[in-house]
């Protein structure tokens, strides 16, 4: 049995040193032991892109203005007075705001905080990434007629862009993802890996020129998403989702590389689908895959560099919510922007995991999976019934007790097993004295407590 949790409730019989009966109702949400538990955040619907600027969250969606959620806000607010629209958003290290738009055609617009528009790249397929030299690089669409363009590079933080490619007579990559390998003894100038409709290419000179890999060429391959594992035993491994576009190419599957140049197939793509599959490598070394065109839209996780995968379940089940982008928040929780999945009357939303899902970089494996969390009780203070949402990441034996200010145990609210998932514990005040009480949840040698104030 794994270590447990954090519950906090409150109330009891005033000052009585003996255990007193109390009302307790449970409404468990039954889930798998390895299922992530999500909650909707705010009232936004049908969104597609997320970006954290410190602890402030920006969210975007085609057909919706950019919205912002700041710490302490009850709901999202429109981020810019002009109602700027876009598919995705990023704020650069120099504080330039760049908006990716894909409505009929693709493009990127950049502006400052005064909303002065000063740069655009009309063929952008991706948001920009920072290169080892400090430039910005983004993926573009291209063809042999325009010099095999696959990227655009900016040295003035998005004001102007220079197209880069593989040269005349070469099909353009149609870049959908860029991964930056930082400088090291093996890559003194770093390396940038581009994946897209035409396969995989790489650059060793900060995105100025590019080399094709064996997984490159016309319509033979489509490399839809890529990621680099930043930490853990598989640190440095690159992963890419490859779909064979025509006979003669390598088979569809998940491919791995130590350097971005040589690739080998390591297995099937979790869920089976290639197109629409997105990879996310997180700071503790885990890798996630989520898909926008697979029944149920599950999220998968690998702890061994992409060799095996666990199905963590969908982001949301109350209505269709197709994950478009999942990112890691500053507290280790996962956040998901979801569309309505093409269903009329169903609108997706913005969601986050109730428990942290990602540990600190290079954290021990046992901390990567959250165990439990008590969400804020309500109402608090209370003069009546208190509802206590408790979420368990795995099934566990739980003992929940209440103590008075003298440290005396005055009530036992629950003792016994609870399934993984969400439980709403209700404690009904009955003749309690006003004051502050301590509620403690214990299991597997771990005890966490919190205060609750009871009114007359």
Foldseek 3Di string as FASTA:
>chain_A
DDFFDAFEDDDFAAPDLAADDWDKDKDFDFDDLQAFAKDFAADDFAWFEWDDPAQKIWTAHAVFFIWIDDPPDRHIDRDDPVRHHANYWDQDPVGKIKGWHCDVATKIWIDHPVRDTQAMDRFFQAAWDAAQVGKTKTFGAWALVVFQWGMWIGPPHGNDTDTAHAGHPAGHQRFNDKDWAHADPVQNRTKIWTFAQFFIWIDNNRRRYIDDAPGGDDRQKHFNEKDAACADPRHQKIKTFMPGRDPPHDHGAIWIDNRRRDIDHQGHDVLRDRPQWYWDHDQARKIKIWGQPHVQGWIWIDNPRPNDIDTNGHNDDPAAWGFNDWDARPVQKIKTATARSPDPPRTHHIMIGPDRQDDHHNDDPVVNQDAKYKDDWPPFQEAWKIKIKIAGSAKFFKWKFKADPVGRTHHTQDTGIDGGGIIIIMTTHDNHDWDKMKMWMGGPHDIHIDIGTYDD
